C-alpha atoms as a PDB file:
ATOM      1  CA  MET A   1      -5.751 -14.710  38.592  1.00  0.00           C
ATOM      2  CA  ILE A   2      -3.987 -17.588  37.346  1.00  0.00           C
ATOM      3  CA  PRO A   3      -3.031 -16.823  33.775  1.00  0.00           C
ATOM      4  CA  LYS A   4      -4.235 -18.799  31.110  1.00  0.00           C
ATOM      5  CA  THR A   5      -1.291 -21.411  29.773  1.00  0.00           C
ATOM      6  CA  ASP A   6      -2.627 -21.088  26.306  1.00  0.00           C
ATOM      7  CA  ALA A   7      -0.733 -17.708  26.421  1.00  0.00           C
ATOM      8  CA  PHE A   8       2.479 -19.005  26.918  1.00  0.00           C
ATOM      9  CA  THR A   9       2.510 -22.072  24.511  1.00  0.00           C
ATOM     10  CA  GLY A  10       2.449 -22.166  20.612  1.00  0.00           C
ATOM     11  CA  GLY A  11       4.955 -19.468  19.485  1.00  0.00           C
ATOM     12  CA  PHE A  12       7.919 -20.027  17.348  1.00  0.00           C
ATOM     13  CA  SER A  13      10.418 -22.397  18.589  1.00  0.00           C
ATOM     14  CA  GLU A  14      13.174 -20.781  16.827  1.00  0.00           C
ATOM     15  CA  PRO A  15      11.802 -17.117  16.609  1.00  0.00           C
ATOM     16  CA  VAL A  16      14.542 -15.519  14.446  1.00  0.00           C
ATOM     17  CA  TYR A  17      14.692 -18.217  11.686  1.00  0.00           C
ATOM     18  CA  GLN A  18      10.860 -18.890  11.735  1.00  0.00           C
ATOM     19  CA  SER A  19      10.089 -15.076  11.659  1.00  0.00           C
ATOM     20  CA  GLN A  20      12.509 -14.647   8.690  1.00  0.00           C
ATOM     21  CA  THR A  21      10.712 -17.777   7.091  1.00  0.00           C
ATOM     22  CA  VAL A  22       7.293 -16.236   7.264  1.00  0.00           C
ATOM     23  CA  PHE A  23       8.490 -12.726   6.513  1.00  0.00           C
ATOM     24  CA  ARG A  24       9.825 -13.827   3.300  1.00  0.00           C
ATOM     25  CA  ALA A  25       6.459 -15.377   2.309  1.00  0.00           C
ATOM     26  CA  LEU A  26       4.705 -12.169   3.280  1.00  0.00           C
ATOM     27  CA  MET A  27       7.308 -10.095   1.076  1.00  0.00           C
ATOM     28  CA  ASP A  28       6.635 -12.454  -1.848  1.00  0.00           C
ATOM     29  CA  GLY A  29       2.978 -12.316  -1.252  1.00  0.00           C
ATOM     30  CA  MET A  30       2.843  -8.620  -1.329  1.00  0.00           C
ATOM     31  CA  ALA A  31       5.042  -8.280  -4.178  1.00  0.00           C
ATOM     32  CA  ARG A  32       2.957 -11.047  -6.257  1.00  0.00           C
ATOM     33  CA  PRO A  33      -0.632 -10.105  -5.178  1.00  0.00           C
ATOM     34  CA  GLY A  34      -3.135 -12.909  -4.829  1.00  0.00           C
ATOM     35  CA  THR A  35      -0.487 -15.826  -5.106  1.00  0.00           C
ATOM     36  CA  LEU A  36      -1.287 -18.408  -2.418  1.00  0.00           C
ATOM     37  CA  GLN A  37       1.414 -18.496   0.175  1.00  0.00           C
ATOM     38  CA  THR A  38       1.867 -21.297   2.879  1.00  0.00           C
ATOM     39  CA  VAL A  39       3.387 -21.193   6.560  1.00  0.00           C
ATOM     40  CA  ALA A  40       5.661 -24.034   6.604  1.00  0.00           C
ATOM     41  CA  THR A  41       6.897 -23.126  10.123  1.00  0.00           C
ATOM     42  CA  GLN A  42       5.129 -24.633  13.245  1.00  0.00           C
ATOM     43  CA  VAL A  43       3.051 -22.330  15.252  1.00  0.00           C
ATOM     44  CA  ASP A  44       0.105 -23.009  17.423  1.00  0.00           C
ATOM     45  CA  PRO A  45      -1.970 -19.892  18.196  1.00  0.00           C
ATOM     46  CA  PRO A  46      -5.174 -20.077  20.661  1.00  0.00           C
ATOM     47  CA  PRO A  47      -8.436 -20.808  19.069  1.00  0.00           C
ATOM     48  CA  PRO A  48     -10.076 -19.236  17.031  1.00  0.00           C
ATOM     49  CA  VAL A  49      -6.972 -17.986  15.335  1.00  0.00           C
ATOM     50  CA  GLY A  50      -5.379 -20.084  12.379  1.00  0.00           C
ATOM     51  CA  VAL A  51      -1.975 -20.845  11.717  1.00  0.00           C
ATOM     52  CA  ALA A  52      -1.441 -18.458   9.186  1.00  0.00           C
ATOM     53  CA  ALA A  53      -2.775 -15.550  11.220  1.00  0.00           C
ATOM     54  CA  GLY A  54      -0.830 -16.662  14.282  1.00  0.00           C
ATOM     55  CA  ALA A  55       2.351 -16.862  12.114  1.00  0.00           C
ATOM     56  CA  VAL A  56       1.809 -13.355  10.712  1.00  0.00           C
ATOM     57  CA  ALA A  57       1.082 -11.717  14.166  1.00  0.00           C
ATOM     58  CA  LEU A  58       4.424 -13.375  15.594  1.00  0.00           C
ATOM     59  CA  CYS A  59       6.213 -12.283  12.342  1.00  0.00           C
ATOM     60  CA  LEU A  60       4.925  -8.428  12.287  1.00  0.00           C
ATOM     61  CA  CYS A  61       3.944  -7.688  15.663  1.00  0.00           C
ATOM     62  CA  ASP A  62       6.222  -6.025  18.485  1.00  0.00           C
ATOM     63  CA  HIS A  63       6.176  -3.632  21.258  1.00  0.00           C
ATOM     64  CA  ASP A  64       5.976  -0.773  18.808  1.00  0.00           C
ATOM     65  CA  THR A  65       3.026  -2.036  16.817  1.00  0.00           C
ATOM     66  CA  THR A  66      -0.354  -1.368  18.281  1.00  0.00           C
ATOM     67  CA  VAL A  67      -2.924  -4.254  17.433  1.00  0.00           C
ATOM     68  CA  TRP A  68      -6.768  -3.927  17.445  1.00  0.00           C
ATOM     69  CA  MET A  69      -8.763  -7.237  17.312  1.00  0.00           C
ATOM     70  CA  SER A  70     -12.466  -7.976  16.551  1.00  0.00           C
ATOM     71  CA  SER A  71     -14.843  -8.653  19.403  1.00  0.00           C
ATOM     72  CA  ALA A  72     -14.637 -12.468  19.687  1.00  0.00           C
ATOM     73  CA  LEU A  73     -10.897 -12.252  19.459  1.00  0.00           C
ATOM     74  CA  GLY A  74     -10.832  -9.603  22.119  1.00  0.00           C
ATOM     75  CA  LYS A  75     -12.852 -11.986  24.456  1.00  0.00           C
ATOM     76  CA  SER A  76     -10.321 -14.859  23.610  1.00  0.00           C
ATOM     77  CA  VAL A  77      -6.747 -15.613  25.060  1.00  0.00           C
ATOM     78  CA  PHE A  78      -5.287 -14.492  21.850  1.00  0.00           C
ATOM     79  CA  GLY A  79      -4.531 -10.886  22.992  1.00  0.00           C
ATOM     80  CA  GLU A  80      -2.548 -12.476  26.068  1.00  0.00           C
ATOM     81  CA  TRP A  81      -0.687 -14.777  23.479  1.00  0.00           C
ATOM     82  CA  LEU A  82       0.234 -12.217  21.297  1.00  0.00           C
ATOM     83  CA  GLY A  83       1.368  -9.846  24.305  1.00  0.00           C
ATOM     84  CA  PHE A  84       3.364 -12.631  25.634  1.00  0.00           C
ATOM     85  CA  HIS A  85       5.126 -13.575  22.455  1.00  0.00           C
ATOM     86  CA  THR A  86       5.534 -10.133  20.946  1.00  0.00           C
ATOM     87  CA  GLY A  87       4.806  -7.716  23.633  1.00  0.00           C
ATOM     88  CA  ALA A  88       2.539  -5.926  21.015  1.00  0.00           C
ATOM     89  CA  PRO A  89      -0.147  -3.642  22.968  1.00  0.00           C
ATOM     90  CA  LEU A  90      -3.723  -3.696  22.210  1.00  0.00           C
ATOM     91  CA  THR A  91      -6.148  -0.779  21.580  1.00  0.00           C
ATOM     92  CA  ARG A  92      -9.790  -0.205  21.069  1.00  0.00           C
ATOM     93  CA  GLU A  93      -9.132   2.636  18.496  1.00  0.00           C
ATOM     94  CA  LYS A  94      -9.106   1.433  14.983  1.00  0.00           C
ATOM     95  CA  THR A  95      -7.085   4.556  13.804  1.00  0.00           C
ATOM     96  CA  GLU A  96      -4.485   3.824  16.238  1.00  0.00           C
ATOM     97  CA  ALA A  97      -3.951   0.340  15.113  1.00  0.00           C
ATOM     98  CA  ARG A  98      -0.971  -0.965  12.894  1.00  0.00           C
ATOM     99  CA  PHE A  99      -2.514  -4.252  12.646  1.00  0.00           C
ATOM    100  CA  ALA A 100      -6.235  -5.404  12.952  1.00  0.00           C
ATOM    101  CA  PHE A 101      -7.080  -9.158  13.269  1.00  0.00           C
ATOM    102  CA  PHE A 102     -10.470 -10.814  12.254  1.00  0.00           C
ATOM    103  CA  GLU A 103     -11.614 -14.189  13.318  1.00  0.00           C
ATOM    104  CA  LEU A 104     -13.480 -16.421  10.786  1.00  0.00           C
ATOM    105  CA  GLY A 105     -17.166 -15.009  10.156  1.00  0.00           C
ATOM    106  CA  ALA A 106     -16.186 -11.499  11.961  1.00  0.00           C
ATOM    107  CA  ALA A 107     -17.903  -8.623  10.464  1.00  0.00           C
ATOM    108  CA  LEU A 108     -15.347  -6.460   8.284  1.00  0.00           C
ATOM    109  CA  PRO A 109     -15.901  -2.742   9.055  1.00  0.00           C
ATOM    110  CA  PRO A 110     -15.342  -0.267   6.328  1.00  0.00           C
ATOM    111  CA  PHE A 111     -11.668   0.190   5.594  1.00  0.00           C
ATOM    112  CA  GLY A 112     -11.863   3.896   6.000  1.00  0.00           C
ATOM    113  CA  LEU A 113     -12.522   3.466   9.981  1.00  0.00           C
ATOM    114  CA  PHE A 114      -8.757   2.147  10.139  1.00  0.00           C
ATOM    115  CA  SER A 115      -5.680   4.075   9.641  1.00  0.00           C
ATOM    116  CA  THR A 116      -5.047   4.841   5.926  1.00  0.00           C
ATOM    117  CA  GLY A 117      -1.654   6.775   6.531  1.00  0.00           C
ATOM    118  CA  THR A 118      -0.821  10.494   5.465  1.00  0.00           C
ATOM    119  CA  GLN A 119       0.304  11.516   1.961  1.00  0.00           C
ATOM    120  CA  GLU A 120       3.946  12.053   3.695  1.00  0.00           C
ATOM    121  CA  TYR A 121       3.795   8.549   5.526  1.00  0.00           C
ATOM    122  CA  PRO A 122       1.580   6.157   3.806  1.00  0.00           C
ATOM    123  CA  ASP A 123       3.039   3.172   5.430  1.00  0.00           C
ATOM    124  CA  ARG A 124       1.425   4.301   8.840  1.00  0.00           C
ATOM    125  CA  SER A 125      -1.563   2.696   7.823  1.00  0.00           C
ATOM    126  CA  THR A 126      -3.401  -0.492   9.292  1.00  0.00           C
ATOM    127  CA  THR A 127      -2.940  -3.899   7.685  1.00  0.00           C
ATOM    128  CA  LEU A 128      -5.887  -6.090   8.247  1.00  0.00           C
ATOM    129  CA  ILE A 129      -5.539  -9.993   8.743  1.00  0.00           C
ATOM    130  CA  VAL A 130      -8.660 -11.779   7.938  1.00  0.00           C
ATOM    131  CA  GLU A 131      -9.385 -15.209   8.466  1.00  0.00           C
ATOM    132  CA  VAL A 132     -11.706 -16.676   5.652  1.00  0.00           C
ATOM    133  CA  ALA A 133     -13.104 -20.258   5.340  1.00  0.00           C
ATOM    134  CA  GLN A 134     -11.569 -20.499   1.822  1.00  0.00           C
ATOM    135  CA  LEU A 135      -9.052 -19.145  -0.580  1.00  0.00           C
ATOM    136  CA  ALA A 136      -9.986 -21.001  -3.807  1.00  0.00           C
ATOM    137  CA  ASP A 137     -13.820 -21.613  -4.086  1.00  0.00           C
ATOM    138  CA  GLY A 138     -15.534 -18.577  -2.754  1.00  0.00           C
ATOM    139  CA  ILE A 139     -16.259 -15.203  -4.438  1.00  0.00           C
ATOM    140  CA  PRO A 140     -14.389 -14.930  -7.824  1.00  0.00           C
ATOM    141  CA  LEU A 141     -12.306 -11.833  -7.821  1.00  0.00           C
ATOM    142  CA  THR A 142      -9.742 -10.748 -10.553  1.00  0.00           C
ATOM    143  CA  LEU A 143      -6.792  -8.651  -9.564  1.00  0.00           C
ATOM    144  CA  ARG A 144      -4.633  -5.992 -11.769  1.00  0.00           C
ATOM    145  CA  GLY A 145      -1.565  -4.097 -10.972  1.00  0.00           C
ATOM    146  CA  PRO A 146       2.039  -4.229 -10.021  1.00  0.00           C
ATOM    147  CA  GLY A 147       3.362  -7.626  -9.666  1.00  0.00           C
ATOM    148  CA  ILE A 148       0.476  -9.067 -11.825  1.00  0.00           C
ATOM    149  CA  LYS A 149       1.172  -9.965 -15.391  1.00  0.00           C
ATOM    150  CA  ASP A 150      -2.125  -9.146 -17.025  1.00  0.00           C
ATOM    151  CA  THR A 151      -4.645 -10.450 -14.387  1.00  0.00           C
ATOM    152  CA  HIS A 152      -4.609 -12.996 -11.672  1.00  0.00           C
ATOM    153  CA  ALA A 153      -7.753 -14.695 -10.344  1.00  0.00           C
ATOM    154  CA  ILE A 154      -8.649 -15.500  -6.671  1.00  0.00           C
ATOM    155  CA  ALA A 155     -11.746 -16.778  -5.185  1.00  0.00           C
ATOM    156  CA  PRO A 156     -11.839 -16.130  -1.393  1.00  0.00           C
ATOM    157  CA  GLY A 157     -14.820 -16.497   0.960  1.00  0.00           C
ATOM    158  CA  PRO A 158     -16.807 -15.500   2.716  1.00  0.00           C
ATOM    159  CA  LEU A 159     -16.500 -11.499   2.082  1.00  0.00           C
ATOM    160  CA  PRO A 160     -19.070  -8.883   2.671  1.00  0.00           C
ATOM    161  CA  GLU A 161     -21.030  -8.179  -0.268  1.00  0.00           C
ATOM    162  CA  THR A 162     -19.560  -4.510  -0.350  1.00  0.00           C
ATOM    163  CA  PHE A 163     -15.838  -5.726  -0.477  1.00  0.00           C
ATOM    164  CA  VAL A 164     -15.077  -5.078  -4.037  1.00  0.00           C
ATOM    165  CA  ARG A 165     -16.622  -1.376  -3.371  1.00  0.00           C
ATOM    166  CA  SER A 166     -14.980  -0.878  -0.242  1.00  0.00           C
ATOM    167  CA  TRP A 167     -11.684  -2.004  -1.840  1.00  0.00           C
ATOM    168  CA  ALA A 168     -12.322   0.492  -4.895  1.00  0.00           C
ATOM    169  CA  ASP A 169     -12.702   3.316  -2.415  1.00  0.00           C
ATOM    170  CA  ASN A 170      -9.562   2.272  -0.429  1.00  0.00           C
ATOM    171  CA  ARG A 171      -7.584   1.898  -3.877  1.00  0.00           C
ATOM    172  CA  ALA A 172      -8.573   5.421  -4.711  1.00  0.00           C
ATOM    173  CA  GLN A 173      -6.661   6.987  -1.718  1.00  0.00           C
ATOM    174  CA  PHE A 174      -3.503   5.457  -3.016  1.00  0.00           C
ATOM    175  CA  PRO A 175      -0.523   6.026  -1.876  1.00  0.00           C
ATOM    176  CA  ARG A 176      -2.719   6.150   1.373  1.00  0.00           C
ATOM    177  CA  GLY A 177      -5.158   3.089   2.153  1.00  0.00           C
ATOM    178  CA  VAL A 178      -5.094  -0.389   4.232  1.00  0.00           C
ATOM    179  CA  ASP A 179      -3.419  -3.674   2.985  1.00  0.00           C
ATOM    180  CA  VAL A 180      -5.010  -6.799   3.477  1.00  0.00           C
ATOM    181  CA  ILE A 181      -3.756 -10.385   4.283  1.00  0.00           C
ATOM    182  CA  LEU A 182      -6.788 -12.990   3.850  1.00  0.00           C
ATOM    183  CA  THR A 183      -5.695 -16.225   5.923  1.00  0.00           C
ATOM    184  CA  CYS A 184      -7.126 -19.763   5.909  1.00  0.00           C
ATOM    185  CA  GLY A 185      -5.477 -22.341   8.055  1.00  0.00           C
ATOM    186  CA  ALA A 186      -1.829 -22.249   7.144  1.00  0.00           C
ATOM    187  CA  GLN A 187      -2.223 -20.243   3.863  1.00  0.00           C
ATOM    188  CA  PHE A 188      -2.810 -16.811   3.103  1.00  0.00           C
ATOM    189  CA  VAL A 189      -2.684 -14.160   0.274  1.00  0.00           C
ATOM    190  CA  CYS A 190      -1.898 -10.516   0.386  1.00  0.00           C
ATOM    191  CA  LEU A 191      -3.946  -7.726  -1.148  1.00  0.00           C
ATOM    192  CA  PRO A 192      -1.752  -4.662  -1.169  1.00  0.00           C
ATOM    193  CA  ARG A 193      -3.433  -1.228  -1.755  1.00  0.00           C
ATOM    194  CA  THR A 194      -1.317  -1.150  -5.249  1.00  0.00           C
ATOM    195  CA  CYS A 195      -3.881  -3.680  -6.819  1.00  0.00           C
ATOM    196  CA  THR A 196      -7.199  -3.145  -8.226  1.00  0.00           C
ATOM    197  CA  ILE A 197      -9.771  -5.731  -7.482  1.00  0.00           C
ATOM    198  CA  THR A 198     -13.037  -6.459  -9.633  1.00  0.00           C
ATOM    199  CA  ALA A 199     -15.709  -9.108  -9.232  1.00  0.00           C
ATOM    200  CA  ARG A 200     -15.380 -11.787 -11.934  1.00  0.00           C
ATOM    201  CA  GLU A 201     -18.304 -13.533 -13.589  1.00  0.00           C
ATOM    202  CA  GLN A 202     -18.770 -17.103 -12.717  1.00  0.00           C
END
């Protein structure tokens, strides 16, 4: 079998510097939930993966981080691309995944199906990277919690109607729980488990 060339191209041209740049944006996003972050470094992941999701994958994944991906991504070259550039192994078991990737329009399973860590090691949980169509004109949501002065408004979409309830259940497990990164093209927002999310009236 001849490997697909897409798996060997589109990664970081300067891995150390570019990974640090993306990591700083991720840390800022986690420290200030809901703030819009932009990937300024060049990366070209295979479709249907967007720039921000690809950059996050290159930054966070390595041979010790097991990755789960939605069915459409599993049928794409993304798994080979991720394996070639990071060495990250894939799994079909949601509870084994450190990171889970969803393409635009993919169904979002209940958060509890993924690893939520343990009381002793809450960091051993899954981070969900979810591609959405927009980050500004979708479902109006209000964020509260550490890193947020009073409240912060976001409007990503599309998201399932059950998202707010699922997040409340996730937040109730703190310090356990999943974290979510919503990506759209070259931009993303972080939703750490420390924040509360409620629906905002339009």
